[in-house]
Amino acid sequence: MKHESLSDDILLLETERLVLRPLQTKDAAGLLALYAIPEVTEFTDIPTMQEESEALRWIEELNAMRRAGQGLRWGVFDRESGGLIGTCGFHHWDQSRRRAEISYDLSPKWWGQGYMREALQAVLQFGFDRLNLHRIEALVDPRDTRSQNLLYGLGFKLEGVLRDHDLIKDHFQDDMVFALLEGEWKKQA
């Protein structure tokens, strides 16, 4: 699928409890509330946000990334309340090699209830079916056991560890490399 055809309508994903859609400027306050929580950004290179202008800039960057065909990011909204509870999506999207890296975050209030698993199942399905991806990767901080368990539960396999791979908040850290292949996804579907 060409990135020019990735309209907001095509990117609307719905699950039993969630609505996933591209973030818009009207979501800045919700995004600020999410990224102001230190636990949400603890294992990422996303800075803890303090002002709505930071959230607006992040939304603009994500939308520019989508227009350039380099990635996609969905806001994860609770279907019942309509509130933003997290984000997820693809970056380092390489259309010619049919691969992308997935990342995600979720407000701690919603942890341990299967919400991100539900969101990622929809996003993975979209990636393999609509984006024609062959390989989806995830890089995970070794201390982030919640994320590791989520990926294992979705069928990802640990491929190895990249030592001192990422510079996060002024410290080098290892990254665990997980991947899920198209054929593996289809076997479990």
C-alpha atoms as a PDB file:
ATOM      1  CA  MET A   1       0.000   0.000   0.000  1.00  0.00           C
ATOM      2  CA  LYS A   2       1.391   3.370  -0.987  1.00  0.00           C
ATOM      3  CA  HIS A   3       1.648   5.911   1.825  1.00  0.00           C
ATOM      4  CA  GLU A   4      -0.363   8.437  -0.240  1.00  0.00           C
ATOM      5  CA  SER A   5      -3.414   6.200   0.212  1.00  0.00           C
ATOM      6  CA  LEU A   6      -3.173   6.029   4.016  1.00  0.00           C
ATOM      7  CA  SER A   7      -6.092   8.299   4.788  1.00  0.00           C
ATOM      8  CA  ASP A   8      -7.557   8.670   8.264  1.00  0.00           C
ATOM      9  CA  ASP A   9     -10.557   6.566   7.148  1.00  0.00           C
ATOM     10  CA  ILE A  10      -8.352   3.635   6.116  1.00  0.00           C
ATOM     11  CA  LEU A  11      -6.367   3.922   9.337  1.00  0.00           C
ATOM     12  CA  LEU A  12      -9.429   3.748  11.603  1.00  0.00           C
ATOM     13  CA  LEU A  13      -9.225   0.430  13.460  1.00  0.00           C
ATOM     14  CA  GLU A  14     -11.852  -0.812  15.899  1.00  0.00           C
ATOM     15  CA  THR A  15     -11.760  -3.644  18.388  1.00  0.00           C
ATOM     16  CA  GLU A  16     -14.197  -4.804  21.044  1.00  0.00           C
ATOM     17  CA  ARG A  17     -13.040  -2.204  23.597  1.00  0.00           C
ATOM     18  CA  LEU A  18     -10.914   0.209  21.583  1.00  0.00           C
ATOM     19  CA  VAL A  19     -10.843   2.669  18.719  1.00  0.00           C
ATOM     20  CA  LEU A  20      -7.477   3.297  17.075  1.00  0.00           C
ATOM     21  CA  ARG A  21      -7.015   6.330  14.842  1.00  0.00           C
ATOM     22  CA  PRO A  22      -4.267   8.744  13.861  1.00  0.00           C
ATOM     23  CA  LEU A  23      -3.641  11.425  16.460  1.00  0.00           C
ATOM     24  CA  GLN A  24      -5.007  14.888  15.703  1.00  0.00           C
ATOM     25  CA  THR A  25      -4.267  18.279  17.213  1.00  0.00           C
ATOM     26  CA  LYS A  26      -7.460  17.965  19.281  1.00  0.00           C
ATOM     27  CA  ASP A  27      -5.762  15.036  21.092  1.00  0.00           C
ATOM     28  CA  ALA A  28      -2.887  17.158  22.442  1.00  0.00           C
ATOM     29  CA  ALA A  29      -4.269  17.455  25.989  1.00  0.00           C
ATOM     30  CA  GLY A  30      -4.807  13.684  26.208  1.00  0.00           C
ATOM     31  CA  LEU A  31      -1.346  12.995  24.813  1.00  0.00           C
ATOM     32  CA  LEU A  32       0.194  15.407  27.317  1.00  0.00           C
ATOM     33  CA  ALA A  33      -1.633  13.639  30.165  1.00  0.00           C
ATOM     34  CA  LEU A  34      -0.273  10.285  28.920  1.00  0.00           C
ATOM     35  CA  TYR A  35       3.331  11.400  28.399  1.00  0.00           C
ATOM     36  CA  ALA A  36       3.443  13.368  31.649  1.00  0.00           C
ATOM     37  CA  ILE A  37       3.428  10.020  33.493  1.00  0.00           C
ATOM     38  CA  PRO A  38       7.071   8.976  34.066  1.00  0.00           C
ATOM     39  CA  GLU A  39       6.220   5.238  33.970  1.00  0.00           C
ATOM     40  CA  VAL A  40       4.899   5.632  30.408  1.00  0.00           C
ATOM     41  CA  THR A  41       8.169   7.014  29.049  1.00  0.00           C
ATOM     42  CA  GLU A  42      10.536   5.154  31.401  1.00  0.00           C
ATOM     43  CA  PHE A  43      11.922   2.737  28.796  1.00  0.00           C
ATOM     44  CA  THR A  44      11.629   5.012  25.745  1.00  0.00           C
ATOM     45  CA  ASP A  45      13.403   7.907  24.128  1.00  0.00           C
ATOM     46  CA  ILE A  46      10.204   9.967  24.403  1.00  0.00           C
ATOM     47  CA  PRO A  47      10.755  12.693  26.979  1.00  0.00           C
ATOM     48  CA  THR A  48       8.269  13.103  29.807  1.00  0.00           C
ATOM     49  CA  MET A  49       6.119  15.994  28.588  1.00  0.00           C
ATOM     50  CA  GLN A  50       5.234  19.041  30.623  1.00  0.00           C
ATOM     51  CA  GLU A  51       3.483  21.370  28.170  1.00  0.00           C
ATOM     52  CA  GLU A  52       0.750  20.948  25.587  1.00  0.00           C
ATOM     53  CA  SER A  53       3.017  22.521  22.958  1.00  0.00           C
ATOM     54  CA  GLU A  54       5.292  19.454  23.279  1.00  0.00           C
ATOM     55  CA  ALA A  55       2.346  17.159  22.574  1.00  0.00           C
ATOM     56  CA  LEU A  56       1.322  19.263  19.566  1.00  0.00           C
ATOM     57  CA  ARG A  57       4.861  19.059  18.149  1.00  0.00           C
ATOM     58  CA  TRP A  58       4.882  15.278  18.638  1.00  0.00           C
ATOM     59  CA  ILE A  59       1.540  14.949  16.814  1.00  0.00           C
ATOM     60  CA  GLU A  60       2.896  17.075  13.947  1.00  0.00           C
ATOM     61  CA  GLU A  61       6.037  14.899  13.756  1.00  0.00           C
ATOM     62  CA  LEU A  62       3.977  11.698  13.689  1.00  0.00           C
ATOM     63  CA  ASN A  63       1.738  13.006  10.918  1.00  0.00           C
ATOM     64  CA  ALA A  64       4.782  14.158   8.903  1.00  0.00           C
ATOM     65  CA  MET A  65       6.282  10.679   9.320  1.00  0.00           C
ATOM     66  CA  ARG A  66       3.068   9.173   7.933  1.00  0.00           C
ATOM     67  CA  ARG A  67       2.997  11.561   4.952  1.00  0.00           C
ATOM     68  CA  ALA A  68       6.627  10.657   4.187  1.00  0.00           C
ATOM     69  CA  GLY A  69       5.797   6.936   4.263  1.00  0.00           C
ATOM     70  CA  GLN A  70       8.187   6.322   7.151  1.00  0.00           C
ATOM     71  CA  GLY A  71       5.746   5.189   9.818  1.00  0.00           C
ATOM     72  CA  LEU A  72       2.277   5.185  11.328  1.00  0.00           C
ATOM     73  CA  ARG A  73       1.134   5.909  14.860  1.00  0.00           C
ATOM     74  CA  TRP A  74      -2.350   5.382  16.202  1.00  0.00           C
ATOM     75  CA  GLY A  75      -3.913   6.901  19.259  1.00  0.00           C
ATOM     76  CA  VAL A  76      -5.513   4.137  21.351  1.00  0.00           C
ATOM     77  CA  PHE A  77      -8.883   5.315  22.657  1.00  0.00           C
ATOM     78  CA  ASP A  78     -11.175   3.590  25.141  1.00  0.00           C
ATOM     79  CA  ARG A  79     -14.396   2.924  23.211  1.00  0.00           C
ATOM     80  CA  GLU A  80     -16.611   3.563  26.250  1.00  0.00           C
ATOM     81  CA  SER A  81     -15.156   6.864  27.498  1.00  0.00           C
ATOM     82  CA  GLY A  82     -13.511   8.092  24.290  1.00  0.00           C
ATOM     83  CA  GLY A  83     -10.368   8.911  26.274  1.00  0.00           C
ATOM     84  CA  LEU A  84      -6.835   8.480  24.958  1.00  0.00           C
ATOM     85  CA  ILE A  85      -5.210   5.638  26.906  1.00  0.00           C
ATOM     86  CA  GLY A  86      -2.104   4.963  24.813  1.00  0.00           C
ATOM     87  CA  THR A  87      -0.472   4.967  21.406  1.00  0.00           C
ATOM     88  CA  CYS A  88       1.012   2.334  19.130  1.00  0.00           C
ATOM     89  CA  GLY A  89       2.317   1.998  15.638  1.00  0.00           C
ATOM     90  CA  PHE A  90       5.143   1.427  13.213  1.00  0.00           C
ATOM     91  CA  HIS A  91       8.323   3.378  12.666  1.00  0.00           C
ATOM     92  CA  HIS A  92      11.466   2.617  10.688  1.00  0.00           C
ATOM     93  CA  TRP A  93       8.979   1.429   8.061  1.00  0.00           C
ATOM     94  CA  ASP A  94      10.908   0.146   5.041  1.00  0.00           C
ATOM     95  CA  GLN A  95       8.375  -0.533   2.305  1.00  0.00           C
ATOM     96  CA  SER A  96      10.908  -1.971  -0.149  1.00  0.00           C
ATOM     97  CA  ARG A  97      12.112  -4.545   2.393  1.00  0.00           C
ATOM     98  CA  ARG A  98       8.593  -5.113   3.775  1.00  0.00           C
ATOM     99  CA  ARG A  99       9.537  -4.561   7.414  1.00  0.00           C
ATOM    100  CA  ALA A 100       8.853  -2.121  10.226  1.00  0.00           C
ATOM    101  CA  GLU A 101       9.487  -1.678  13.922  1.00  0.00           C
ATOM    102  CA  ILE A 102       6.517  -1.591  16.276  1.00  0.00           C
ATOM    103  CA  SER A 103       6.306   0.446  19.460  1.00  0.00           C
ATOM    104  CA  TYR A 104       3.587   1.213  21.968  1.00  0.00           C
ATOM    105  CA  ASP A 105       2.757   2.839  25.281  1.00  0.00           C
ATOM    106  CA  LEU A 106      -0.190   2.702  27.647  1.00  0.00           C
ATOM    107  CA  SER A 107      -1.330   4.608  30.701  1.00  0.00           C
ATOM    108  CA  PRO A 108      -0.592   2.583  33.882  1.00  0.00           C
ATOM    109  CA  LYS A 109      -4.288   2.756  34.820  1.00  0.00           C
ATOM    110  CA  TRP A 110      -4.942   0.336  31.954  1.00  0.00           C
ATOM    111  CA  TRP A 111      -1.992  -2.041  32.479  1.00  0.00           C
ATOM    112  CA  GLY A 112      -2.624  -5.756  32.988  1.00  0.00           C
ATOM    113  CA  GLN A 113      -6.106  -5.777  31.436  1.00  0.00           C
ATOM    114  CA  GLY A 114      -5.269  -6.849  27.871  1.00  0.00           C
ATOM    115  CA  TYR A 115      -5.844  -3.456  26.253  1.00  0.00           C
ATOM    116  CA  MET A 116      -2.475  -3.190  24.512  1.00  0.00           C
ATOM    117  CA  ARG A 117      -2.634  -6.801  23.383  1.00  0.00           C
ATOM    118  CA  GLU A 118      -6.025  -6.024  21.832  1.00  0.00           C
ATOM    119  CA  ALA A 119      -4.671  -2.885  20.146  1.00  0.00           C
ATOM    120  CA  LEU A 120      -1.545  -4.590  18.836  1.00  0.00           C
ATOM    121  CA  GLN A 121      -3.511  -7.512  17.406  1.00  0.00           C
ATOM    122  CA  ALA A 122      -5.394  -5.006  15.226  1.00  0.00           C
ATOM    123  CA  VAL A 123      -2.206  -3.139  14.292  1.00  0.00           C
ATOM    124  CA  LEU A 124      -0.305  -6.338  13.469  1.00  0.00           C
ATOM    125  CA  GLN A 125      -3.203  -7.536  11.302  1.00  0.00           C
ATOM    126  CA  PHE A 126      -3.179  -4.170   9.502  1.00  0.00           C
ATOM    127  CA  GLY A 127       0.591  -4.349   9.053  1.00  0.00           C
ATOM    128  CA  PHE A 128       0.618  -7.804   7.528  1.00  0.00           C
ATOM    129  CA  ASP A 129      -2.609  -7.489   5.496  1.00  0.00           C
ATOM    130  CA  ARG A 130      -2.750  -3.843   4.408  1.00  0.00           C
ATOM    131  CA  LEU A 131       0.895  -2.728   4.484  1.00  0.00           C
ATOM    132  CA  ASN A 132       2.152  -6.042   3.089  1.00  0.00           C
ATOM    133  CA  LEU A 133       4.804  -6.334   5.790  1.00  0.00           C
ATOM    134  CA  HIS A 134       6.817  -9.534   6.006  1.00  0.00           C
ATOM    135  CA  ARG A 135       8.644  -8.788   9.278  1.00  0.00           C
ATOM    136  CA  ILE A 136       7.696  -6.699  12.304  1.00  0.00           C
ATOM    137  CA  GLU A 137      10.403  -6.016  14.872  1.00  0.00           C
ATOM    138  CA  ALA A 138      10.376  -4.640  18.402  1.00  0.00           C
ATOM    139  CA  LEU A 139      13.293  -3.341  20.460  1.00  0.00           C
ATOM    140  CA  VAL A 140      12.764  -3.733  24.201  1.00  0.00           C
ATOM    141  CA  ASP A 141      14.703  -2.594  27.249  1.00  0.00           C
ATOM    142  CA  PRO A 142      15.687  -5.770  29.178  1.00  0.00           C
ATOM    143  CA  ARG A 143      14.147  -4.285  32.347  1.00  0.00           C
ATOM    144  CA  ASP A 144      10.735  -3.938  30.657  1.00  0.00           C
ATOM    145  CA  THR A 145       9.308  -7.362  31.478  1.00  0.00           C
ATOM    146  CA  ARG A 146       5.711  -6.275  30.771  1.00  0.00           C
ATOM    147  CA  SER A 147       6.645  -5.504  27.194  1.00  0.00           C
ATOM    148  CA  GLN A 148       8.545  -8.765  26.795  1.00  0.00           C
ATOM    149  CA  ASN A 149       5.551 -10.760  28.050  1.00  0.00           C
ATOM    150  CA  LEU A 150       3.220  -8.878  25.706  1.00  0.00           C
ATOM    151  CA  LEU A 151       5.390  -9.652  22.687  1.00  0.00           C
ATOM    152  CA  TYR A 152       5.812 -13.324  23.608  1.00  0.00           C
ATOM    153  CA  GLY A 153       2.026 -13.556  23.990  1.00  0.00           C
ATOM    154  CA  LEU A 154       1.562 -12.149  20.479  1.00  0.00           C
ATOM    155  CA  GLY A 155       3.918 -14.732  18.990  1.00  0.00           C
ATOM    156  CA  PHE A 156       7.091 -12.660  18.710  1.00  0.00           C
ATOM    157  CA  LYS A 157      10.387 -14.480  19.071  1.00  0.00           C
ATOM    158  CA  LEU A 158      13.486 -13.155  20.825  1.00  0.00           C
ATOM    159  CA  GLU A 159      16.322 -12.983  18.294  1.00  0.00           C
ATOM    160  CA  GLY A 160      19.096 -11.538  20.434  1.00  0.00           C
ATOM    161  CA  VAL A 161      20.416  -8.579  22.379  1.00  0.00           C
ATOM    162  CA  LEU A 162      22.066  -5.459  20.957  1.00  0.00           C
ATOM    163  CA  ARG A 163      24.539  -4.285  23.594  1.00  0.00           C
ATOM    164  CA  ASP A 164      24.622  -0.554  24.438  1.00  0.00           C
ATOM    165  CA  HIS A 165      22.418  -0.029  21.395  1.00  0.00           C
ATOM    166  CA  ASP A 166      20.275   2.899  22.506  1.00  0.00           C
ATOM    167  CA  LEU A 167      21.059   6.168  24.237  1.00  0.00           C
ATOM    168  CA  ILE A 168      18.042   6.773  26.470  1.00  0.00           C
ATOM    169  CA  LYS A 169      17.986   9.702  28.855  1.00  0.00           C
ATOM    170  CA  ASP A 170      21.805  10.072  28.802  1.00  0.00           C
ATOM    171  CA  HIS A 171      22.517   6.358  29.407  1.00  0.00           C
ATOM    172  CA  PHE A 172      23.397   3.618  26.968  1.00  0.00           C
ATOM    173  CA  GLN A 173      21.174   0.581  27.247  1.00  0.00           C
ATOM    174  CA  ASP A 174      20.893  -2.842  25.695  1.00  0.00           C
ATOM    175  CA  ASP A 175      17.967  -3.630  23.417  1.00  0.00           C
ATOM    176  CA  MET A 176      16.347  -7.037  23.155  1.00  0.00           C
ATOM    177  CA  VAL A 177      15.370  -7.703  19.529  1.00  0.00           C
ATOM    178  CA  PHE A 178      12.022  -9.416  19.001  1.00  0.00           C
ATOM    179  CA  ALA A 179      10.458 -10.217  15.626  1.00  0.00           C
ATOM    180  CA  LEU A 180       7.285 -11.685  14.190  1.00  0.00           C
ATOM    181  CA  LEU A 181       7.185 -12.942  10.603  1.00  0.00           C
ATOM    182  CA  GLU A 182       4.164 -12.867   8.338  1.00  0.00           C
ATOM    183  CA  GLY A 183       3.979 -16.671   8.119  1.00  0.00           C
ATOM    184  CA  GLU A 184       4.131 -17.026  11.903  1.00  0.00           C
ATOM    185  CA  TRP A 185       1.296 -14.511  12.295  1.00  0.00           C
ATOM    186  CA  LYS A 186      -0.888 -16.296   9.744  1.00  0.00           C
ATOM    187  CA  LYS A 187      -0.326 -19.689  11.406  1.00  0.00           C
ATOM    188  CA  GLN A 188      -1.639 -18.424  14.737  1.00  0.00           C
ATOM    189  CA  ALA A 189      -4.567 -16.457  13.262  1.00  0.00           C
END
